[in-house]
Amino acid sequence: MTGHSRNTIKKAIRGEPWGYKERSHQPFPVLGDYMAVIDNWLKSYKDKPKKQRHTVHRIYNRLVDEHGYKGEESTVRRYVRLASVVLGIETPRVFIPCNPEAGQEAEVDWGTATAIIPRIESWGRCSPWWQERFALYVALVLLLVIEIVLLYVFACRLCPRRAWEGGLRGALKRRHYRSKVPSGI
């Protein structure tokens, strides 16, 4: 009925943690004896130009041919990537998107939200404040959400119905959109 196994539900009731945990250290058991050899090769490559260094595929082939390594190339790949950063041969790579068209397009979608709306009803025409009734109404409201792509600028607008024209017109009139009106939606 719940979509979970009995063991998972028992763990949840007992308060035990469940799920996957990311390892803080990924061991290299197959590479154990060969890590010193790879480190020596990487240290010797540190002074050489980049074009004269061995690729990871070539390091793997040398391990197999010269030292009789029986493991996989992917294990060597992971270790060389880690060791080259630790030894200072390479710096960790960072990807920064360079898009000159950032802010030229917007993504638009409808959504709903539950809103608590206060409403004041008075008993008479000129009734004093102590005779007013405060009521809270819970309502499902319709939202128009607009995001300018790659700028992470959002706008939300309450709409009475799903009419694109009115919602877009109102959302684009917002103050922080005046300088960033996208050309495509």
N, C-alpha and C. Protein backbone atom coordinates (compact mmCIF):
# COMPACT_ATOMS: atom_id res chain seq x y z
N MET A 1 0.81 -1.21 0.00
CA MET A 1 0.00 0.00 0.00
C MET A 1 0.85 1.27 0.00
N THR A 2 1.96 1.27 0.74
CA THR A 2 2.77 2.47 0.83
C THR A 2 3.83 2.54 -0.25
N GLY A 3 4.13 1.41 -0.86
CA GLY A 3 5.18 1.41 -1.87
C GLY A 3 6.56 1.18 -1.28
N HIS A 4 6.64 0.90 0.02
CA HIS A 4 7.92 0.62 0.68
C HIS A 4 7.88 -0.78 1.26
N SER A 5 9.05 -1.36 1.45
CA SER A 5 9.10 -2.71 2.01
C SER A 5 8.82 -2.67 3.51
N ARG A 6 8.51 -3.85 4.05
CA ARG A 6 8.22 -3.94 5.49
C ARG A 6 9.44 -3.54 6.33
N ASN A 7 10.61 -3.93 5.87
CA ASN A 7 11.83 -3.60 6.63
C ASN A 7 12.07 -2.09 6.68
N THR A 8 11.81 -1.41 5.58
CA THR A 8 11.97 0.05 5.56
C THR A 8 10.98 0.72 6.50
N ILE A 9 9.76 0.24 6.52
CA ILE A 9 8.74 0.81 7.41
C ILE A 9 9.10 0.55 8.87
N LYS A 10 9.63 -0.63 9.18
CA LYS A 10 10.06 -0.93 10.55
C LYS A 10 11.19 -0.01 10.98
N LYS A 11 12.13 0.24 10.08
CA LYS A 11 13.24 1.15 10.40
C LYS A 11 12.72 2.57 10.65
N ALA A 12 11.75 3.00 9.86
CA ALA A 12 11.18 4.34 10.03
C ALA A 12 10.46 4.45 11.37
N ILE A 13 9.74 3.40 11.76
CA ILE A 13 9.02 3.44 13.04
C ILE A 13 10.01 3.44 14.21
N ARG A 14 11.08 2.67 14.08
CA ARG A 14 12.10 2.63 15.15
C ARG A 14 12.96 3.89 15.16
N GLY A 15 12.93 4.67 14.10
CA GLY A 15 13.72 5.89 14.04
C GLY A 15 15.13 5.66 13.52
N GLU A 16 15.39 4.51 12.93
CA GLU A 16 16.71 4.22 12.38
C GLU A 16 16.87 4.92 11.04
N PRO A 17 18.07 5.38 10.74
CA PRO A 17 18.29 5.99 9.43
C PRO A 17 18.33 4.91 8.36
N TRP A 18 17.82 5.22 7.18
CA TRP A 18 17.89 4.28 6.06
C TRP A 18 18.18 5.07 4.80
N GLY A 19 18.55 4.37 3.80
CA GLY A 19 18.88 5.00 2.53
C GLY A 19 20.36 4.86 2.24
N TYR A 20 20.79 5.56 1.23
CA TYR A 20 22.16 5.47 0.81
C TYR A 20 22.98 6.58 1.46
N LYS A 21 24.21 6.23 1.81
CA LYS A 21 25.15 7.21 2.34
C LYS A 21 26.32 7.31 1.37
N GLU A 22 26.76 8.53 1.13
CA GLU A 22 27.92 8.70 0.28
C GLU A 22 29.17 8.39 1.09
N ARG A 23 30.06 7.65 0.51
CA ARG A 23 31.29 7.29 1.22
C ARG A 23 32.19 8.51 1.33
N SER A 24 32.85 8.65 2.47
CA SER A 24 33.79 9.75 2.62
C SER A 24 35.12 9.40 1.94
N HIS A 25 35.42 8.10 1.83
CA HIS A 25 36.65 7.65 1.18
C HIS A 25 36.32 6.45 0.31
N GLN A 26 36.68 6.51 -0.94
CA GLN A 26 36.48 5.39 -1.86
C GLN A 26 37.78 4.60 -1.93
N PRO A 27 37.81 3.38 -1.42
CA PRO A 27 39.06 2.60 -1.43
C PRO A 27 39.40 2.08 -2.82
N PHE A 28 40.67 1.74 -3.00
CA PHE A 28 41.17 1.15 -4.24
C PHE A 28 41.83 -0.18 -3.89
N PRO A 29 41.06 -1.23 -3.55
CA PRO A 29 41.67 -2.48 -3.10
C PRO A 29 42.48 -3.19 -4.18
N VAL A 30 42.06 -3.12 -5.42
CA VAL A 30 42.78 -3.82 -6.49
C VAL A 30 44.09 -3.11 -6.81
N LEU A 31 44.11 -1.80 -6.64
CA LEU A 31 45.29 -1.00 -6.96
C LEU A 31 46.32 -0.99 -5.84
N GLY A 32 46.03 -1.60 -4.71
CA GLY A 32 46.87 -1.50 -3.52
C GLY A 32 48.37 -1.43 -3.76
N ASP A 33 48.94 -2.42 -4.44
CA ASP A 33 50.40 -2.46 -4.65
C ASP A 33 50.85 -1.55 -5.78
N TYR A 34 49.96 -1.18 -6.63
CA TYR A 34 50.33 -0.41 -7.83
C TYR A 34 50.23 1.09 -7.62
N MET A 35 49.68 1.54 -6.51
CA MET A 35 49.50 2.99 -6.31
C MET A 35 50.84 3.70 -6.21
N ALA A 36 51.84 3.08 -5.59
CA ALA A 36 53.17 3.71 -5.49
C ALA A 36 53.79 3.86 -6.88
N VAL A 37 53.60 2.86 -7.74
CA VAL A 37 54.13 2.92 -9.11
C VAL A 37 53.48 4.07 -9.88
N ILE A 38 52.15 4.17 -9.78
CA ILE A 38 51.43 5.25 -10.48
C ILE A 38 51.85 6.61 -9.93
N ASP A 39 52.02 6.71 -8.61
CA ASP A 39 52.45 7.99 -8.02
C ASP A 39 53.83 8.39 -8.53
N ASN A 40 54.74 7.43 -8.64
CA ASN A 40 56.08 7.75 -9.16
C ASN A 40 56.01 8.21 -10.61
N TRP A 41 55.18 7.55 -11.42
CA TRP A 41 55.03 7.98 -12.80
C TRP A 41 54.45 9.38 -12.86
N LEU A 42 53.43 9.66 -12.05
CA LEU A 42 52.81 10.99 -12.07
C LEU A 42 53.78 12.07 -11.60
N LYS A 43 54.63 11.75 -10.60
CA LYS A 43 55.62 12.73 -10.14
C LYS A 43 56.66 13.02 -11.22
N SER A 44 57.02 12.00 -11.98
CA SER A 44 57.99 12.22 -13.05
C SER A 44 57.37 13.03 -14.19
N TYR A 45 56.05 12.95 -14.37
CA TYR A 45 55.37 13.71 -15.42
C TYR A 45 55.18 15.17 -15.04
N LYS A 46 55.34 15.47 -13.77
CA LYS A 46 55.03 16.82 -13.30
C LYS A 46 55.91 17.86 -13.98
N ASP A 47 57.17 17.53 -14.24
CA ASP A 47 58.10 18.48 -14.84
C ASP A 47 58.01 18.52 -16.36
N LYS A 48 57.38 17.52 -16.96
CA LYS A 48 57.31 17.44 -18.41
C LYS A 48 56.16 18.30 -18.95
N PRO A 49 56.28 18.73 -20.20
CA PRO A 49 55.15 19.44 -20.82
C PRO A 49 53.94 18.51 -20.94
N LYS A 50 52.79 19.09 -21.06
CA LYS A 50 51.56 18.31 -21.06
C LYS A 50 51.49 17.33 -22.24
N LYS A 51 52.06 17.69 -23.37
CA LYS A 51 52.02 16.82 -24.54
C LYS A 51 52.89 15.58 -24.36
N GLN A 52 53.87 15.64 -23.46
CA GLN A 52 54.78 14.51 -23.26
C GLN A 52 54.34 13.59 -22.12
N ARG A 53 53.26 13.91 -21.45
CA ARG A 53 52.77 13.06 -20.37
C ARG A 53 51.95 11.91 -20.94
N HIS A 54 51.92 10.82 -20.18
CA HIS A 54 51.11 9.68 -20.61
C HIS A 54 49.64 9.94 -20.30
N THR A 55 48.78 9.42 -21.17
CA THR A 55 47.36 9.47 -20.89
C THR A 55 47.03 8.36 -19.89
N VAL A 56 45.84 8.40 -19.33
CA VAL A 56 45.43 7.37 -18.37
C VAL A 56 45.36 6.01 -19.06
N HIS A 57 44.98 5.99 -20.32
CA HIS A 57 44.93 4.73 -21.06
C HIS A 57 46.34 4.15 -21.20
N ARG A 58 47.31 5.00 -21.48
CA ARG A 58 48.71 4.55 -21.60
C ARG A 58 49.24 4.07 -20.25
N ILE A 59 48.87 4.76 -19.15
CA ILE A 59 49.28 4.33 -17.80
C ILE A 59 48.69 2.95 -17.51
N TYR A 60 47.44 2.74 -17.87
CA TYR A 60 46.80 1.44 -17.66
C TYR A 60 47.53 0.35 -18.46
N ASN A 61 47.83 0.64 -19.74
CA ASN A 61 48.54 -0.35 -20.56
C ASN A 61 49.92 -0.68 -20.00
N ARG A 62 50.63 0.32 -19.48
CA ARG A 62 51.95 0.06 -18.87
C ARG A 62 51.81 -0.79 -17.62
N LEU A 63 50.77 -0.53 -16.81
CA LEU A 63 50.55 -1.35 -15.62
C LEU A 63 50.31 -2.81 -16.00
N VAL A 64 49.51 -3.03 -17.03
CA VAL A 64 49.20 -4.40 -17.46
C VAL A 64 50.44 -5.07 -18.04
N ASP A 65 51.16 -4.37 -18.91
CA ASP A 65 52.31 -4.97 -19.60
C ASP A 65 53.52 -5.16 -18.68
N GLU A 66 53.86 -4.12 -17.91
CA GLU A 66 55.10 -4.16 -17.13
C GLU A 66 54.93 -4.78 -15.75
N HIS A 67 53.72 -4.65 -15.15
CA HIS A 67 53.55 -5.09 -13.76
C HIS A 67 52.49 -6.17 -13.58
N GLY A 68 51.81 -6.57 -14.65
CA GLY A 68 50.82 -7.64 -14.56
C GLY A 68 49.54 -7.26 -13.82
N TYR A 69 49.10 -6.03 -13.97
CA TYR A 69 47.88 -5.56 -13.31
C TYR A 69 46.67 -6.26 -13.90
N LYS A 70 45.75 -6.72 -13.06
CA LYS A 70 44.58 -7.47 -13.51
C LYS A 70 43.26 -6.71 -13.32
N GLY A 71 43.30 -5.47 -12.86
CA GLY A 71 42.07 -4.72 -12.60
C GLY A 71 41.55 -4.02 -13.83
N GLU A 72 40.57 -3.17 -13.61
CA GLU A 72 39.90 -2.45 -14.69
C GLU A 72 40.54 -1.08 -14.93
N GLU A 73 40.34 -0.57 -16.14
CA GLU A 73 40.87 0.74 -16.49
C GLU A 73 40.13 1.86 -15.75
N SER A 74 38.86 1.65 -15.45
CA SER A 74 38.10 2.69 -14.76
C SER A 74 38.64 2.94 -13.35
N THR A 75 39.15 1.89 -12.70
CA THR A 75 39.75 2.08 -11.37
C THR A 75 41.03 2.91 -11.47
N VAL A 76 41.83 2.64 -12.48
CA VAL A 76 43.05 3.42 -12.70
C VAL A 76 42.68 4.86 -13.02
N ARG A 77 41.64 5.04 -13.83
CA ARG A 77 41.17 6.38 -14.19
C ARG A 77 40.78 7.19 -12.95
N ARG A 78 39.99 6.57 -12.06
CA ARG A 78 39.56 7.28 -10.84
C ARG A 78 40.76 7.62 -9.97
N TYR A 79 41.71 6.68 -9.83
CA TYR A 79 42.85 6.94 -8.96
C TYR A 79 43.76 8.02 -9.56
N VAL A 80 44.02 7.99 -10.85
CA VAL A 80 44.88 8.99 -11.48
C VAL A 80 44.26 10.38 -11.35
N ARG A 81 42.93 10.47 -11.52
CA ARG A 81 42.25 11.76 -11.36
C ARG A 81 42.45 12.30 -9.96
N LEU A 82 42.28 11.43 -8.94
CA LEU A 82 42.43 11.85 -7.55
C LEU A 82 43.88 12.16 -7.22
N ALA A 83 44.80 11.29 -7.65
CA ALA A 83 46.22 11.46 -7.31
C ALA A 83 46.81 12.69 -7.99
N SER A 84 46.40 12.99 -9.20
CA SER A 84 46.95 14.15 -9.89
C SER A 84 46.53 15.46 -9.21
N VAL A 85 45.37 15.48 -8.59
CA VAL A 85 44.96 16.66 -7.83
C VAL A 85 45.73 16.73 -6.52
N VAL A 86 45.89 15.58 -5.84
CA VAL A 86 46.60 15.56 -4.56
C VAL A 86 48.07 15.92 -4.74
N LEU A 87 48.69 15.43 -5.81
CA LEU A 87 50.10 15.72 -6.06
C LEU A 87 50.34 17.10 -6.65
N GLY A 88 49.28 17.81 -7.00
CA GLY A 88 49.41 19.16 -7.52
C GLY A 88 49.71 19.23 -9.00
N ILE A 89 49.48 18.14 -9.72
CA ILE A 89 49.73 18.14 -11.16
C ILE A 89 48.61 18.87 -11.88
N GLU A 90 47.38 18.60 -11.49
CA GLU A 90 46.22 19.26 -12.07
C GLU A 90 45.39 19.91 -10.98
N THR A 91 44.67 20.93 -11.35
CA THR A 91 43.74 21.54 -10.41
C THR A 91 42.35 21.01 -10.71
N PRO A 92 41.49 20.94 -9.70
CA PRO A 92 40.12 20.48 -9.98
C PRO A 92 39.46 21.38 -11.01
N ARG A 93 38.73 20.78 -11.93
CA ARG A 93 38.10 21.55 -12.99
C ARG A 93 36.76 22.10 -12.52
N VAL A 94 36.49 23.32 -12.95
CA VAL A 94 35.22 23.96 -12.64
C VAL A 94 34.60 24.38 -13.96
N PHE A 95 33.31 24.10 -14.10
CA PHE A 95 32.61 24.48 -15.33
C PHE A 95 31.82 25.75 -15.07
N ILE A 96 32.11 26.77 -15.84
CA ILE A 96 31.36 28.03 -15.77
C ILE A 96 30.75 28.25 -17.14
N PRO A 97 29.42 28.20 -17.24
CA PRO A 97 28.82 28.41 -18.55
C PRO A 97 28.99 29.85 -19.00
N CYS A 98 29.42 30.01 -20.22
CA CYS A 98 29.57 31.35 -20.80
C CYS A 98 28.58 31.46 -21.95
N ASN A 99 27.46 32.03 -21.67
CA ASN A 99 26.40 32.12 -22.67
C ASN A 99 26.06 33.58 -22.88
N PRO A 100 26.41 34.14 -24.03
CA PRO A 100 26.10 35.55 -24.25
C PRO A 100 24.61 35.83 -24.36
N GLU A 101 23.80 34.78 -24.54
CA GLU A 101 22.38 34.98 -24.70
C GLU A 101 21.62 34.80 -23.38
N ALA A 102 22.32 34.86 -22.27
CA ALA A 102 21.67 34.70 -20.97
C ALA A 102 20.67 35.84 -20.78
N GLY A 103 19.48 35.50 -20.38
CA GLY A 103 18.45 36.49 -20.14
C GLY A 103 17.61 36.82 -21.35
N GLN A 104 17.87 36.15 -22.48
CA GLN A 104 17.11 36.44 -23.69
C GLN A 104 15.83 35.62 -23.78
N GLU A 105 15.74 34.53 -22.99
CA GLU A 105 14.56 33.70 -23.03
C GLU A 105 14.00 33.53 -21.62
N ALA A 106 12.71 33.26 -21.56
CA ALA A 106 12.05 33.04 -20.28
C ALA A 106 11.26 31.74 -20.35
N GLU A 107 11.16 31.06 -19.22
CA GLU A 107 10.32 29.88 -19.11
C GLU A 107 9.09 30.25 -18.29
N VAL A 108 7.93 29.89 -18.79
CA VAL A 108 6.67 30.26 -18.16
C VAL A 108 5.86 29.01 -17.90
N ASP A 109 5.26 28.92 -16.72
CA ASP A 109 4.42 27.78 -16.42
C ASP A 109 3.38 28.18 -15.39
N TRP A 110 2.28 27.42 -15.37
CA TRP A 110 1.23 27.63 -14.39
C TRP A 110 1.44 26.70 -13.22
N GLY A 111 1.04 27.12 -12.04
CA GLY A 111 1.10 26.29 -10.86
C GLY A 111 -0.02 26.65 -9.90
N THR A 112 -0.19 25.85 -8.89
CA THR A 112 -1.19 26.14 -7.87
C THR A 112 -0.52 26.17 -6.51
N ALA A 113 -1.12 26.89 -5.60
CA ALA A 113 -0.63 26.97 -4.23
C ALA A 113 -1.82 27.12 -3.30
N THR A 114 -1.65 26.67 -2.08
CA THR A 114 -2.68 26.83 -1.07
C THR A 114 -2.39 28.13 -0.32
N ALA A 115 -3.35 29.02 -0.28
CA ALA A 115 -3.16 30.32 0.35
C ALA A 115 -4.14 30.48 1.50
N ILE A 116 -3.68 31.13 2.56
CA ILE A 116 -4.55 31.48 3.68
C ILE A 116 -4.84 32.97 3.55
N ILE A 117 -6.11 33.29 3.29
CA ILE A 117 -6.50 34.66 2.98
C ILE A 117 -7.33 35.21 4.13
N PRO A 118 -6.87 36.32 4.76
CA PRO A 118 -7.68 36.92 5.83
C PRO A 118 -8.82 37.75 5.23
N ARG A 119 -9.93 37.72 5.90
CA ARG A 119 -11.08 38.48 5.43
C ARG A 119 -11.75 39.12 6.65
N ILE A 120 -12.07 40.39 6.55
CA ILE A 120 -12.69 41.10 7.67
C ILE A 120 -14.15 41.38 7.30
N GLU A 121 -15.04 40.95 8.15
CA GLU A 121 -16.46 41.22 7.96
C GLU A 121 -16.95 42.04 9.14
N SER A 122 -17.62 43.12 8.86
CA SER A 122 -18.16 43.93 9.96
C SER A 122 -19.66 43.70 10.08
N TRP A 123 -20.21 43.91 11.29
CA TRP A 123 -21.63 43.65 11.54
C TRP A 123 -22.53 44.81 11.11
N GLY A 124 -21.99 45.95 11.10
CA GLY A 124 -22.81 47.11 10.75
C GLY A 124 -22.03 48.03 9.83
N ARG A 125 -22.72 49.12 9.47
CA ARG A 125 -22.10 50.03 8.54
C ARG A 125 -20.93 50.77 9.18
N CYS A 126 -21.06 51.24 10.37
CA CYS A 126 -20.01 51.97 11.07
C CYS A 126 -19.68 51.26 12.37
N SER A 127 -19.47 50.01 12.32
CA SER A 127 -19.24 49.27 13.56
C SER A 127 -17.82 49.50 14.06
N PRO A 128 -17.64 49.55 15.36
CA PRO A 128 -16.30 49.71 15.93
C PRO A 128 -15.48 48.43 15.71
N TRP A 129 -14.19 48.54 15.97
CA TRP A 129 -13.27 47.45 15.67
C TRP A 129 -13.57 46.18 16.45
N TRP A 130 -14.15 46.29 17.67
CA TRP A 130 -14.40 45.08 18.45
C TRP A 130 -15.59 44.27 17.94
N GLN A 131 -16.38 44.88 17.05
CA GLN A 131 -17.50 44.14 16.49
C GLN A 131 -17.17 43.50 15.15
N GLU A 132 -15.93 43.66 14.69
CA GLU A 132 -15.54 43.07 13.42
C GLU A 132 -15.15 41.60 13.61
N ARG A 133 -15.50 40.78 12.67
CA ARG A 133 -15.12 39.36 12.71
C ARG A 133 -13.96 39.15 11.74
N PHE A 134 -12.96 38.45 12.23
CA PHE A 134 -11.82 38.10 11.40
C PHE A 134 -11.96 36.64 11.01
N ALA A 135 -11.91 36.39 9.77
CA ALA A 135 -12.04 35.01 9.29
C ALA A 135 -10.88 34.71 8.35
N LEU A 136 -10.39 33.50 8.43
CA LEU A 136 -9.33 33.05 7.53
C LEU A 136 -9.93 32.02 6.58
N TYR A 137 -9.68 32.22 5.32
CA TYR A 137 -10.16 31.32 4.31
C TYR A 137 -8.96 30.62 3.68
N VAL A 138 -9.07 29.35 3.49
CA VAL A 138 -8.03 28.59 2.79
C VAL A 138 -8.52 28.38 1.38
N ALA A 139 -7.71 28.80 0.42
CA ALA A 139 -8.12 28.72 -0.98
C ALA A 139 -6.98 28.20 -1.83
N LEU A 140 -7.31 27.53 -2.89
CA LEU A 140 -6.35 27.08 -3.88
C LEU A 140 -6.25 28.17 -4.93
N VAL A 141 -5.07 28.79 -5.07
CA VAL A 141 -4.90 29.91 -5.99
C VAL A 141 -4.07 29.47 -7.19
N LEU A 142 -4.24 30.16 -8.28
CA LEU A 142 -3.54 29.88 -9.52
C LEU A 142 -2.36 30.85 -9.64
N LEU A 143 -1.17 30.31 -9.92
CA LEU A 143 0.04 31.12 -10.02
C LEU A 143 0.61 31.04 -11.43
N LEU A 144 1.11 32.14 -11.90
CA LEU A 144 1.88 32.18 -13.12
C LEU A 144 3.33 32.40 -12.70
N VAL A 145 4.20 31.46 -13.03
CA VAL A 145 5.61 31.54 -12.62
C VAL A 145 6.45 31.77 -13.86
N ILE A 146 7.31 32.78 -13.80
CA ILE A 146 8.19 33.12 -14.92
C ILE A 146 9.62 33.12 -14.41
N GLU A 147 10.52 32.46 -15.16
CA GLU A 147 11.95 32.46 -14.83
C GLU A 147 12.71 32.90 -16.06
N ILE A 148 13.59 33.88 -15.90
CA ILE A 148 14.46 34.27 -17.00
C ILE A 148 15.62 33.29 -17.00
N VAL A 149 15.83 32.61 -18.12
CA VAL A 149 16.79 31.52 -18.22
C VAL A 149 18.20 32.02 -17.96
N LEU A 150 18.94 31.26 -17.16
CA LEU A 150 20.34 31.46 -16.77
C LEU A 150 20.58 32.67 -15.88
N LEU A 151 19.59 33.48 -15.60
CA LEU A 151 19.76 34.60 -14.67
C LEU A 151 19.13 34.30 -13.33
N TYR A 152 18.31 33.26 -13.27
CA TYR A 152 17.64 32.82 -12.06
C TYR A 152 16.83 33.94 -11.42
N VAL A 153 16.13 34.69 -12.26
CA VAL A 153 15.23 35.74 -11.81
C VAL A 153 13.82 35.17 -11.95
N PHE A 154 13.09 35.17 -10.84
CA PHE A 154 11.76 34.59 -10.83
C PHE A 154 10.72 35.67 -10.57
N ALA A 155 9.54 35.43 -11.09
CA ALA A 155 8.39 36.27 -10.76
C ALA A 155 7.18 35.37 -10.65
N CYS A 156 6.37 35.62 -9.64
CA CYS A 156 5.13 34.88 -9.44
C CYS A 156 3.99 35.87 -9.43
N ARG A 157 2.89 35.50 -10.03
CA ARG A 157 1.72 36.39 -10.05
C ARG A 157 0.47 35.55 -9.85
N LEU A 158 -0.39 36.02 -8.97
CA LEU A 158 -1.70 35.38 -8.79
C LEU A 158 -2.59 35.75 -9.96
N CYS A 159 -3.27 34.77 -10.50
CA CYS A 159 -4.16 35.02 -11.64
C CYS A 159 -5.54 34.45 -11.35
N PRO A 160 -6.58 35.12 -11.80
CA PRO A 160 -7.93 34.59 -11.58
C PRO A 160 -8.25 33.39 -12.47
N ARG A 161 -7.60 33.32 -13.65
CA ARG A 161 -7.82 32.18 -14.55
C ARG A 161 -6.57 32.00 -15.40
N ARG A 162 -6.55 30.92 -16.15
CA ARG A 162 -5.38 30.63 -16.98
C ARG A 162 -5.45 31.41 -18.29
N ALA A 163 -5.13 32.65 -18.23
CA ALA A 163 -5.09 33.49 -19.43
C ALA A 163 -3.67 34.01 -19.57
N TRP A 164 -2.97 33.56 -20.57
CA TRP A 164 -1.57 33.91 -20.74
C TRP A 164 -1.35 35.40 -20.91
N GLU A 165 -2.21 36.03 -21.69
CA GLU A 165 -1.96 37.43 -22.04
C GLU A 165 -1.96 38.32 -20.80
N GLY A 166 -2.99 38.18 -19.98
CA GLY A 166 -3.08 39.03 -18.79
C GLY A 166 -1.99 38.73 -17.79
N GLY A 167 -1.69 37.47 -17.61
CA GLY A 167 -0.65 37.10 -16.66
C GLY A 167 0.72 37.57 -17.09
N LEU A 168 1.03 37.38 -18.36
CA LEU A 168 2.34 37.82 -18.85
C LEU A 168 2.47 39.33 -18.82
N ARG A 169 1.42 40.02 -19.23
CA ARG A 169 1.46 41.48 -19.23
C ARG A 169 1.72 42.01 -17.82
N GLY A 170 1.01 41.42 -16.85
CA GLY A 170 1.18 41.89 -15.48
C GLY A 170 2.53 41.51 -14.91
N ALA A 171 3.02 40.32 -15.22
CA ALA A 171 4.30 39.89 -14.66
C ALA A 171 5.46 40.68 -15.25
N LEU A 172 5.38 41.01 -16.53
CA LEU A 172 6.48 41.75 -17.15
C LEU A 172 6.49 43.21 -16.75
N LYS A 173 5.41 43.70 -16.16
CA LYS A 173 5.40 45.08 -15.68
C LYS A 173 6.07 45.21 -14.32
N ARG A 174 6.40 44.08 -13.72
CA ARG A 174 7.01 44.14 -12.39
C ARG A 174 8.31 44.94 -12.45
N ARG A 175 8.65 45.54 -11.34
CA ARG A 175 9.76 46.47 -11.30
C ARG A 175 11.08 45.83 -11.72
N HIS A 176 11.43 44.63 -11.20
CA HIS A 176 12.73 44.06 -11.50
C HIS A 176 12.77 43.44 -12.89
N TYR A 177 11.68 43.42 -13.62
CA TYR A 177 11.68 42.92 -14.98
C TYR A 177 11.82 44.03 -16.01
N ARG A 178 11.69 45.27 -15.60
CA ARG A 178 11.67 46.35 -16.59
C ARG A 178 12.95 46.40 -17.40
N SER A 179 14.10 46.15 -16.76
CA SER A 179 15.36 46.20 -17.49
C SER A 179 15.72 44.87 -18.12
N LYS A 180 14.98 43.78 -17.77
CA LYS A 180 15.34 42.45 -18.23
C LYS A 180 14.18 41.76 -18.92
N VAL A 181 13.50 42.40 -19.78
CA VAL A 181 12.38 41.76 -20.47
C VAL A 181 12.97 40.85 -21.54
N PRO A 182 12.66 39.54 -21.48
CA PRO A 182 13.24 38.61 -22.46
C PRO A 182 12.60 38.78 -23.83
N SER A 183 13.38 38.43 -24.85
CA SER A 183 12.85 38.55 -26.21
C SER A 183 12.06 37.31 -26.62
N GLY A 184 12.30 36.17 -26.00
CA GLY A 184 11.58 34.95 -26.35
C GLY A 184 10.99 34.27 -25.14
N ILE A 185 9.80 33.70 -25.29
CA ILE A 185 9.13 33.00 -24.19
C ILE A 185 8.74 31.62 -24.67
